[in-house]
PDB file of N, CA and C in Angstrom:
ATOM      1  N   MET A   1       0.798  -1.113  -0.172  1.00  0.00           N
ATOM      2  CA  MET A   1       0.216  -0.155  -0.021  1.00  0.00           C
ATOM      3  C   MET A   1       1.003   1.461   0.181  1.00  0.00           C
ATOM      4  N   ASP A   2       2.104   1.291   0.613  1.00  0.00           N
ATOM      5  CA  ASP A   2       2.933   2.195   1.013  1.00  0.00           C
ATOM      6  C   ASP A   2       3.336   2.661  -0.591  1.00  0.00           C
ATOM      7  N   ASP A   3       3.743   1.794  -1.338  1.00  0.00           N
ATOM      8  CA  ASP A   3       4.018   1.876  -2.837  1.00  0.00           C
ATOM      9  C   ASP A   3       3.082   2.805  -3.411  1.00  0.00           C
ATOM     10  N   LEU A   4       1.811   2.191  -3.636  1.00  0.00           N
ATOM     11  CA  LEU A   4       0.622   3.070  -4.139  1.00  0.00           C
ATOM     12  C   LEU A   4       0.912   4.298  -3.810  1.00  0.00           C
ATOM     13  N   PHE A   5       0.764   4.563  -2.307  1.00  0.00           N
ATOM     14  CA  PHE A   5       0.504   5.967  -1.829  1.00  0.00           C
ATOM     15  C   PHE A   5       1.551   6.907  -2.257  1.00  0.00           C
ATOM     16  N   LYS A   6       3.075   6.379  -2.289  1.00  0.00           N
ATOM     17  CA  LYS A   6       4.075   7.268  -3.052  1.00  0.00           C
ATOM     18  C   LYS A   6       4.076   7.426  -4.572  1.00  0.00           C
ATOM     19  N   LYS A   7       3.371   6.566  -5.255  1.00  0.00           N
ATOM     20  CA  LYS A   7       2.993   6.658  -6.685  1.00  0.00           C
ATOM     21  C   LYS A   7       2.148   7.909  -6.789  1.00  0.00           C
ATOM     22  N   ILE A   8       1.086   7.644  -6.005  1.00  0.00           N
ATOM     23  CA  ILE A   8       0.063   8.660  -6.087  1.00  0.00           C
ATOM     24  C   ILE A   8       0.776   9.934  -5.643  1.00  0.00           C
ATOM     25  N   GLU A   9       1.285  10.264  -4.679  1.00  0.00           N
ATOM     26  CA  GLU A   9       2.205  11.282  -4.364  1.00  0.00           C
ATOM     27  C   GLU A   9       2.761  11.893  -5.286  1.00  0.00           C
ATOM     28  N   GLN A  10       3.858  11.341  -6.119  1.00  0.00           N
ATOM     29  CA  GLN A  10       4.644  11.750  -7.065  1.00  0.00           C
ATOM     30  C   GLN A  10       3.788  12.427  -8.396  1.00  0.00           C
ATOM     31  N   ARG A  11       2.816  11.722  -8.445  1.00  0.00           N
ATOM     32  CA  ARG A  11       1.991  11.976  -9.545  1.00  0.00           C
ATOM     33  C   ARG A  11       1.197  13.382  -9.458  1.00  0.00           C
ATOM     34  N   THR A  12       0.389  13.473  -8.263  1.00  0.00           N
ATOM     35  CA  THR A  12       0.090  14.746  -7.770  1.00  0.00           C
ATOM     36  C   THR A  12       0.286  15.513  -7.051  1.00  0.00           C
ATOM     37  N   GLY A  13       1.466  15.477  -6.509  1.00  0.00           N
ATOM     38  CA  GLY A  13       2.208  16.145  -5.452  1.00  0.00           C
ATOM     39  C   GLY A  13       1.304  16.372  -4.336  1.00  0.00           C
ATOM     40  N   VAL A  14       0.347  15.508  -3.887  1.00  0.00           N
ATOM     41  CA  VAL A  14      -0.721  15.634  -2.691  1.00  0.00           C
ATOM     42  C   VAL A  14       0.000  14.379  -1.868  1.00  0.00           C
ATOM     43  N   ASN A  15       0.214  15.482  -0.351  1.00  0.00           N
ATOM     44  CA  ASN A  15       0.528  14.047   0.702  1.00  0.00           C
ATOM     45  C   ASN A  15      -0.407  13.140   0.996  1.00  0.00           C
ATOM     46  N   MET A  16      -0.321  11.912   0.727  1.00  0.00           N
ATOM     47  CA  MET A  16      -1.233  10.995   1.264  1.00  0.00           C
ATOM     48  C   MET A  16      -1.877  10.841   2.657  1.00  0.00           C
ATOM     49  N   ASN A  17      -1.102  11.409   3.396  1.00  0.00           N
ATOM     50  CA  ASN A  17      -1.241  11.635   5.022  1.00  0.00           C
ATOM     51  C   ASN A  17      -2.226  12.786   5.076  1.00  0.00           C
ATOM     52  N   ASP A  18      -1.915  13.773   4.107  1.00  0.00           N
ATOM     53  CA  ASP A  18      -3.039  14.906   4.276  1.00  0.00           C
ATOM     54  C   ASP A  18      -4.472  14.371   4.091  1.00  0.00           C
ATOM     55  N   VAL A  19      -4.493  13.573   2.940  1.00  0.00           N
ATOM     56  CA  VAL A  19      -5.784  13.003   2.301  1.00  0.00           C
ATOM     57  C   VAL A  19      -6.381  12.210   3.235  1.00  0.00           C
ATOM     58  N   ILE A  20      -5.673  11.515   4.041  1.00  0.00           N
ATOM     59  CA  ILE A  20      -6.252  10.329   5.110  1.00  0.00           C
ATOM     60  C   ILE A  20      -6.768  11.223   5.962  1.00  0.00           C
ATOM     61  N   ARG A  21      -5.896  12.052   6.819  1.00  0.00           N
ATOM     62  CA  ARG A  21      -6.840  13.412   7.606  1.00  0.00           C
ATOM     63  C   ARG A  21      -8.012  13.768   7.172  1.00  0.00           C
ATOM     64  N   LEU A  22      -7.940  14.265   6.040  1.00  0.00           N
ATOM     65  CA  LEU A  22      -9.078  14.909   5.506  1.00  0.00           C
ATOM     66  C   LEU A  22     -10.082  14.056   5.354  1.00  0.00           C
ATOM     67  N   ALA A  23      -9.923  12.870   5.076  1.00  0.00           N
ATOM     68  CA  ALA A  23     -11.064  11.634   4.910  1.00  0.00           C
ATOM     69  C   ALA A  23     -11.670  11.259   6.407  1.00  0.00           C
ATOM     70  N   ASN A  24     -10.607  11.239   7.392  1.00  0.00           N
ATOM     71  CA  ASN A  24     -10.870  11.002   8.401  1.00  0.00           C
ATOM     72  C   ASN A  24     -11.916  12.033   9.296  1.00  0.00           C
ATOM     73  N   SER A  25     -11.606  13.331   8.708  1.00  0.00           N
ATOM     74  CA  SER A  25     -12.206  14.372   9.774  1.00  0.00           C
ATOM     75  C   SER A  25     -13.603  14.528   8.706  1.00  0.00           C
ATOM     76  N   LEU A  26     -13.976  13.472   7.642  1.00  0.00           N
ATOM     77  CA  LEU A  26     -15.305  13.725   7.255  1.00  0.00           C
ATOM     78  C   LEU A  26     -16.312  12.526   7.684  1.00  0.00           C
ATOM     79  N   GLU A  27     -15.635  11.804   8.786  1.00  0.00           N
ATOM     80  CA  GLU A  27     -16.457  10.823   9.480  1.00  0.00           C
ATOM     81  C   GLU A  27     -17.893  11.479  10.124  1.00  0.00           C
ATOM     82  N   GLY A  28     -19.064  11.360   9.834  1.00  0.00           N
ATOM     83  CA  GLY A  28     -19.876  11.872  10.582  1.00  0.00           C
ATOM     84  C   GLY A  28     -20.461  13.388  10.044  1.00  0.00           C
ATOM     85  N   ALA A  29     -19.429  13.637   9.045  1.00  0.00           N
ATOM     86  CA  ALA A  29     -19.844  15.156   8.351  1.00  0.00           C
ATOM     87  C   ALA A  29     -21.235  15.373   7.882  1.00  0.00           C
ATOM     88  N   ASP A  30     -22.015  16.347   7.982  1.00  0.00           N
ATOM     89  CA  ASP A  30     -23.097  16.543   7.595  1.00  0.00           C
ATOM     90  C   ASP A  30     -23.026  17.176   6.031  1.00  0.00           C
ATOM     91  N   LEU A  31     -22.854  16.407   5.045  1.00  0.00           N
ATOM     92  CA  LEU A  31     -22.780  16.827   3.740  1.00  0.00           C
ATOM     93  C   LEU A  31     -24.175  17.264   2.849  1.00  0.00           C
ATOM     94  N   GLN A  32     -24.947  17.732   3.656  1.00  0.00           N
ATOM     95  CA  GLN A  32     -26.094  18.481   3.449  1.00  0.00           C
ATOM     96  C   GLN A  32     -26.242  19.601   3.905  1.00  0.00           C
ATOM     97  N   ASP A  33     -25.145  20.111   4.893  1.00  0.00           N
ATOM     98  CA  ASP A  33     -25.193  21.252   5.509  1.00  0.00           C
ATOM     99  C   ASP A  33     -24.133  22.213   4.613  1.00  0.00           C
ATOM    100  N   GLU A  34     -24.661  23.320   3.899  1.00  0.00           N
ATOM    101  CA  GLU A  34     -23.859  24.223   2.902  1.00  0.00           C
ATOM    102  C   GLU A  34     -22.861  24.604   3.606  1.00  0.00           C
ATOM    103  N   ARG A  35     -22.636  24.928   5.077  1.00  0.00           N
ATOM    104  CA  ARG A  35     -21.393  25.625   5.394  1.00  0.00           C
ATOM    105  C   ARG A  35     -20.219  24.377   5.660  1.00  0.00           C
ATOM    106  N   THR A  36     -20.405  23.161   6.034  1.00  0.00           N
ATOM    107  CA  THR A  36     -19.689  22.232   5.774  1.00  0.00           C
ATOM    108  C   THR A  36     -19.263  21.822   4.556  1.00  0.00           C
ATOM    109  N   VAL A  37     -20.159  21.886   3.549  1.00  0.00           N
ATOM    110  CA  VAL A  37     -19.770  21.337   2.303  1.00  0.00           C
ATOM    111  C   VAL A  37     -18.594  22.640   1.648  1.00  0.00           C
ATOM    112  N   ARG A  38     -18.854  24.090   2.092  1.00  0.00           N
ATOM    113  CA  ARG A  38     -17.999  24.996   1.282  1.00  0.00           C
ATOM    114  C   ARG A  38     -16.393  24.848   2.199  1.00  0.00           C
ATOM    115  N   LYS A  39     -16.563  24.655   3.315  1.00  0.00           N
ATOM    116  CA  LYS A  39     -15.468  24.314   4.299  1.00  0.00           C
ATOM    117  C   LYS A  39     -14.598  23.050   3.555  1.00  0.00           C
ATOM    118  N   LEU A  40     -15.431  21.748   3.259  1.00  0.00           N
ATOM    119  CA  LEU A  40     -14.892  20.839   2.487  1.00  0.00           C
ATOM    120  C   LEU A  40     -13.944  21.272   1.140  1.00  0.00           C
ATOM    121  N   VAL A  41     -14.964  21.979   0.404  1.00  0.00           N
ATOM    122  CA  VAL A  41     -14.503  22.482  -0.977  1.00  0.00           C
ATOM    123  C   VAL A  41     -13.184  23.247  -0.696  1.00  0.00           C
ATOM    124  N   LYS A  42     -12.866  23.817   0.190  1.00  0.00           N
ATOM    125  CA  LYS A  42     -11.610  24.834   0.514  1.00  0.00           C
ATOM    126  C   LYS A  42     -10.687  23.940   1.031  1.00  0.00           C
ATOM    127  N   GLN A  43     -10.955  22.848   1.714  1.00  0.00           N
ATOM    128  CA  GLN A  43      -9.917  22.151   2.207  1.00  0.00           C
ATOM    129  C   GLN A  43      -9.420  21.277   1.133  1.00  0.00           C
ATOM    130  N   VAL A  44     -10.275  20.777   0.348  1.00  0.00           N
ATOM    131  CA  VAL A  44      -9.351  20.008  -0.583  1.00  0.00           C
ATOM    132  C   VAL A  44      -9.113  20.846  -1.943  1.00  0.00           C
ATOM    133  N   SER A  45      -9.403  22.072  -1.768  1.00  0.00           N
ATOM    134  CA  SER A  45      -8.487  23.011  -3.021  1.00  0.00           C
ATOM    135  C   SER A  45      -7.399  23.511  -2.275  1.00  0.00           C
ATOM    136  N   ARG A  46      -7.222  23.353  -1.321  1.00  0.00           N
ATOM    137  CA  ARG A  46      -5.651  24.025  -0.716  1.00  0.00           C
ATOM    138  C   ARG A  46      -5.039  22.531  -0.674  1.00  0.00           C
ATOM    139  N   LEU A  47      -5.593  21.268  -0.332  1.00  0.00           N
ATOM    140  CA  LEU A  47      -4.849  20.213  -0.491  1.00  0.00           C
ATOM    141  C   LEU A  47      -4.247  20.124  -1.956  1.00  0.00           C
ATOM    142  N   ALA A  48      -4.858  20.209  -2.825  1.00  0.00           N
ATOM    143  CA  ALA A  48      -4.565  20.029  -4.098  1.00  0.00           C
ATOM    144  C   ALA A  48      -3.566  21.096  -4.837  1.00  0.00           C
ATOM    145  N   GLY A  49      -3.734  22.061  -3.991  1.00  0.00           N
ATOM    146  CA  GLY A  49      -3.009  23.350  -4.525  1.00  0.00           C
ATOM    147  C   GLY A  49      -3.701  23.938  -5.974  1.00  0.00           C
ATOM    148  N   LYS A  50      -5.075  24.013  -5.942  1.00  0.00           N
ATOM    149  CA  LYS A  50      -5.737  24.457  -7.012  1.00  0.00           C
ATOM    150  C   LYS A  50      -6.775  25.293  -6.600  1.00  0.00           C
ATOM    151  N   ARG A  51      -7.037  26.232  -7.098  1.00  0.00           N
ATOM    152  CA  ARG A  51      -7.912  27.293  -6.734  1.00  0.00           C
ATOM    153  C   ARG A  51      -9.331  27.035  -7.539  1.00  0.00           C
ATOM    154  N   VAL A  52     -10.394  27.171  -6.589  1.00  0.00           N
ATOM    155  CA  VAL A  52     -11.788  26.877  -7.021  1.00  0.00           C
ATOM    156  C   VAL A  52     -12.676  28.346  -6.847  1.00  0.00           C
ATOM    157  N   ASN A  53     -12.988  28.588  -8.061  1.00  0.00           N
ATOM    158  CA  ASN A  53     -13.723  29.992  -8.317  1.00  0.00           C
ATOM    159  C   ASN A  53     -15.135  29.887  -7.774  1.00  0.00           C
ATOM    160  N   LYS A  54     -15.477  30.991  -7.482  1.00  0.00           N
ATOM    161  CA  LYS A  54     -16.771  31.037  -6.472  1.00  0.00           C
ATOM    162  C   LYS A  54     -17.722  30.082  -7.351  1.00  0.00           C
ATOM    163  N   GLN A  55     -18.436  30.354  -8.924  1.00  0.00           N
ATOM    164  CA  GLN A  55     -19.092  29.491  -9.513  1.00  0.00           C
ATOM    165  C   GLN A  55     -19.188  27.977  -9.360  1.00  0.00           C
ATOM    166  N   THR A  56     -17.674  27.995  -9.380  1.00  0.00           N
ATOM    167  CA  THR A  56     -17.474  26.335  -9.431  1.00  0.00           C
ATOM    168  C   THR A  56     -17.897  25.949  -7.784  1.00  0.00           C
ATOM    169  N   GLU A  57     -17.462  26.642  -6.707  1.00  0.00           N
ATOM    170  CA  GLU A  57     -17.526  26.214  -5.530  1.00  0.00           C
ATOM    171  C   GLU A  57     -19.207  26.152  -5.261  1.00  0.00           C
ATOM    172  N   ASP A  58     -20.007  27.113  -5.902  1.00  0.00           N
ATOM    173  CA  ASP A  58     -21.455  27.072  -5.681  1.00  0.00           C
ATOM    174  C   ASP A  58     -22.130  25.968  -6.585  1.00  0.00           C
ATOM    175  N   MET A  59     -21.565  25.872  -7.589  1.00  0.00           N
ATOM    176  CA  MET A  59     -22.192  24.562  -8.509  1.00  0.00           C
ATOM    177  C   MET A  59     -21.793  23.183  -7.286  1.00  0.00           C
ATOM    178  N   ILE A  60     -20.681  22.852  -6.901  1.00  0.00           N
ATOM    179  CA  ILE A  60     -20.372  21.802  -6.110  1.00  0.00           C
ATOM    180  C   ILE A  60     -21.442  21.515  -4.938  1.00  0.00           C
ATOM    181  N   VAL A  61     -21.387  22.999  -4.059  1.00  0.00           N
ATOM    182  CA  VAL A  61     -22.461  22.990  -2.939  1.00  0.00           C
ATOM    183  C   VAL A  61     -23.522  22.470  -3.378  1.00  0.00           C
ATOM    184  N   ASP A  62     -24.141  23.032  -4.429  1.00  0.00           N
ATOM    185  CA  ASP A  62     -25.435  22.826  -4.970  1.00  0.00           C
ATOM    186  C   ASP A  62     -25.805  21.527  -5.184  1.00  0.00           C
ATOM    187  N   THR A  63     -24.955  20.892  -5.867  1.00  0.00           N
ATOM    188  CA  THR A  63     -24.778  19.434  -6.064  1.00  0.00           C
ATOM    189  C   THR A  63     -25.189  18.424  -4.860  1.00  0.00           C
ATOM    190  N   LEU A  64     -24.148  19.052  -3.997  1.00  0.00           N
ATOM    191  CA  LEU A  64     -24.046  18.001  -2.985  1.00  0.00           C
ATOM    192  C   LEU A  64     -25.120  18.301  -1.642  1.00  0.00           C
ATOM    193  N   VAL A  65     -25.524  19.510  -1.693  1.00  0.00           N
ATOM    194  CA  VAL A  65     -26.675  19.854  -0.517  1.00  0.00           C
ATOM    195  C   VAL A  65     -27.844  19.595  -1.174  1.00  0.00           C
ATOM    196  N   ASN A  66     -28.282  19.806  -2.071  1.00  0.00           N
ATOM    197  CA  ASN A  66     -29.745  20.101  -2.725  1.00  0.00           C
ATOM    198  C   ASN A  66     -29.808  18.476  -3.395  1.00  0.00           C
ATOM    199  N   LYS A  67     -29.089  17.594  -3.430  1.00  0.00           N
ATOM    200  CA  LYS A  67     -29.481  16.290  -4.346  1.00  0.00           C
ATOM    201  C   LYS A  67     -29.644  15.143  -3.117  1.00  0.00           C
ATOM    202  N   LYS A  68     -30.411  14.434  -3.351  1.00  0.00           N
ATOM    203  CA  LYS A  68     -30.574  13.301  -2.342  1.00  0.00           C
ATOM    204  C   LYS A  68     -29.476  12.230  -2.137  1.00  0.00           C
ATOM    205  N   GLN A  69     -28.622  12.093  -3.275  1.00  0.00           N
ATOM    206  CA  GLN A  69     -27.795  11.250  -3.570  1.00  0.00           C
ATOM    207  C   GLN A  69     -26.466  11.742  -3.897  1.00  0.00           C
ATOM    208  N   MET A  70     -25.390  11.131  -3.787  1.00  0.00           N
ATOM    209  CA  MET A  70     -24.051  11.878  -4.113  1.00  0.00           C
ATOM    210  C   MET A  70     -24.177  11.747  -5.708  1.00  0.00           C
ATOM    211  N   PRO A  71     -23.565  12.644  -6.239  1.00  0.00           N
ATOM    212  CA  PRO A  71     -23.217  12.553  -8.013  1.00  0.00           C
ATOM    213  C   PRO A  71     -22.483  11.239  -8.213  1.00  0.00           C
ATOM    214  N   ASP A  72     -22.662  10.665  -9.202  1.00  0.00           N
ATOM    215  CA  ASP A  72     -21.809   9.709  -9.731  1.00  0.00           C
ATOM    216  C   ASP A  72     -20.600  10.428 -10.509  1.00  0.00           C
ATOM    217  N   MET A  73     -19.415   9.658 -10.900  1.00  0.00           N
ATOM    218  CA  MET A  73     -18.443  10.012 -11.489  1.00  0.00           C
ATOM    219  C   MET A  73     -18.780  10.539 -12.580  1.00  0.00           C
ATOM    220  N   SER A  74     -19.399   9.989 -13.622  1.00  0.00           N
ATOM    221  CA  SER A  74     -20.096  10.699 -14.806  1.00  0.00           C
ATOM    222  C   SER A  74     -20.518  12.141 -14.556  1.00  0.00           C
ATOM    223  N   THR A  75     -21.295  12.311 -13.610  1.00  0.00           N
ATOM    224  CA  THR A  75     -21.614  13.864 -13.416  1.00  0.00           C
ATOM    225  C   THR A  75     -20.429  14.691 -13.010  1.00  0.00           C
ATOM    226  N   ILE A  76     -19.689  14.042 -12.101  1.00  0.00           N
ATOM    227  CA  ILE A  76     -18.293  15.082 -11.623  1.00  0.00           C
ATOM    228  C   ILE A  76     -17.741  15.188 -12.691  1.00  0.00           C
ATOM    229  N   SER A  77     -17.244  14.534 -13.690  1.00  0.00           N
ATOM    230  CA  SER A  77     -16.569  14.398 -14.922  1.00  0.00           C
ATOM    231  C   SER A  77     -17.133  15.526 -15.756  1.00  0.00           C
ATOM    232  N   LYS A  78     -18.366  15.492 -16.090  1.00  0.00           N
ATOM    233  CA  LYS A  78     -19.005  16.572 -16.794  1.00  0.00           C
ATOM    234  C   LYS A  78     -18.985  17.957 -16.151  1.00  0.00           C
ATOM    235  N   MET A  79     -18.934  17.899 -14.661  1.00  0.00           N
ATOM    236  CA  MET A  79     -18.948  19.409 -14.134  1.00  0.00           C
ATOM    237  C   MET A  79     -17.752  19.796 -14.391  1.00  0.00           C
ATOM    238  N   VAL A  80     -16.617  18.947 -14.343  1.00  0.00           N
ATOM    239  CA  VAL A  80     -15.257  19.672 -14.470  1.00  0.00           C
ATOM    240  C   VAL A  80     -14.840  19.780 -15.847  1.00  0.00           C
ATOM    241  N   ASP A  81     -15.274  18.983 -16.700  1.00  0.00           N
ATOM    242  CA  ASP A  81     -15.137  19.372 -17.979  1.00  0.00           C
ATOM    243  C   ASP A  81     -15.965  20.495 -18.665  1.00  0.00           C
ATOM    244  N   LYS A  82     -16.786  20.863 -18.312  1.00  0.00           N
ATOM    245  CA  LYS A  82     -17.616  22.010 -18.659  1.00  0.00           C
ATOM    246  C   LYS A  82     -17.036  23.594 -18.043  1.00  0.00           C
ATOM    247  N   LYS A  83     -16.120  23.004 -16.744  1.00  0.00           N
ATOM    248  CA  LYS A  83     -15.587  24.223 -16.465  1.00  0.00           C
ATOM    249  C   LYS A  83     -14.142  24.569 -17.116  1.00  0.00           C
ATOM    250  N   ARG A  84     -13.908  23.537 -17.703  1.00  0.00           N
ATOM    251  CA  ARG A  84     -12.334  23.446 -18.830  1.00  0.00           C
ATOM    252  C   ARG A  84     -12.518  24.544 -19.876  1.00  0.00           C
ATOM    253  N   ARG A  85     -13.605  24.328 -20.652  1.00  0.00           N
ATOM    254  CA  ARG A  85     -14.247  24.978 -21.784  1.00  0.00           C
ATOM    255  C   ARG A  85     -14.105  26.481 -21.659  1.00  0.00           C
TER     256      ARG A  85
END
């Protein structure tokens, strides 16, 4: 498992210990709460070293807070691709 984490760290530049800490902090988090989701978006943004503009943040928050289920990978991929254009 350590080899996998090292490869991910090398490819992404993201420390896996930080990812694990973030994942652990989500345990029991209310992803239907707008403030919680906005905080999460900011944490992930900092962790990845990527800025998330207000419009994208709003779209992520709206998707998570107002939907009854988590979006699937296809939906997330479409959201990201739409922002790249």
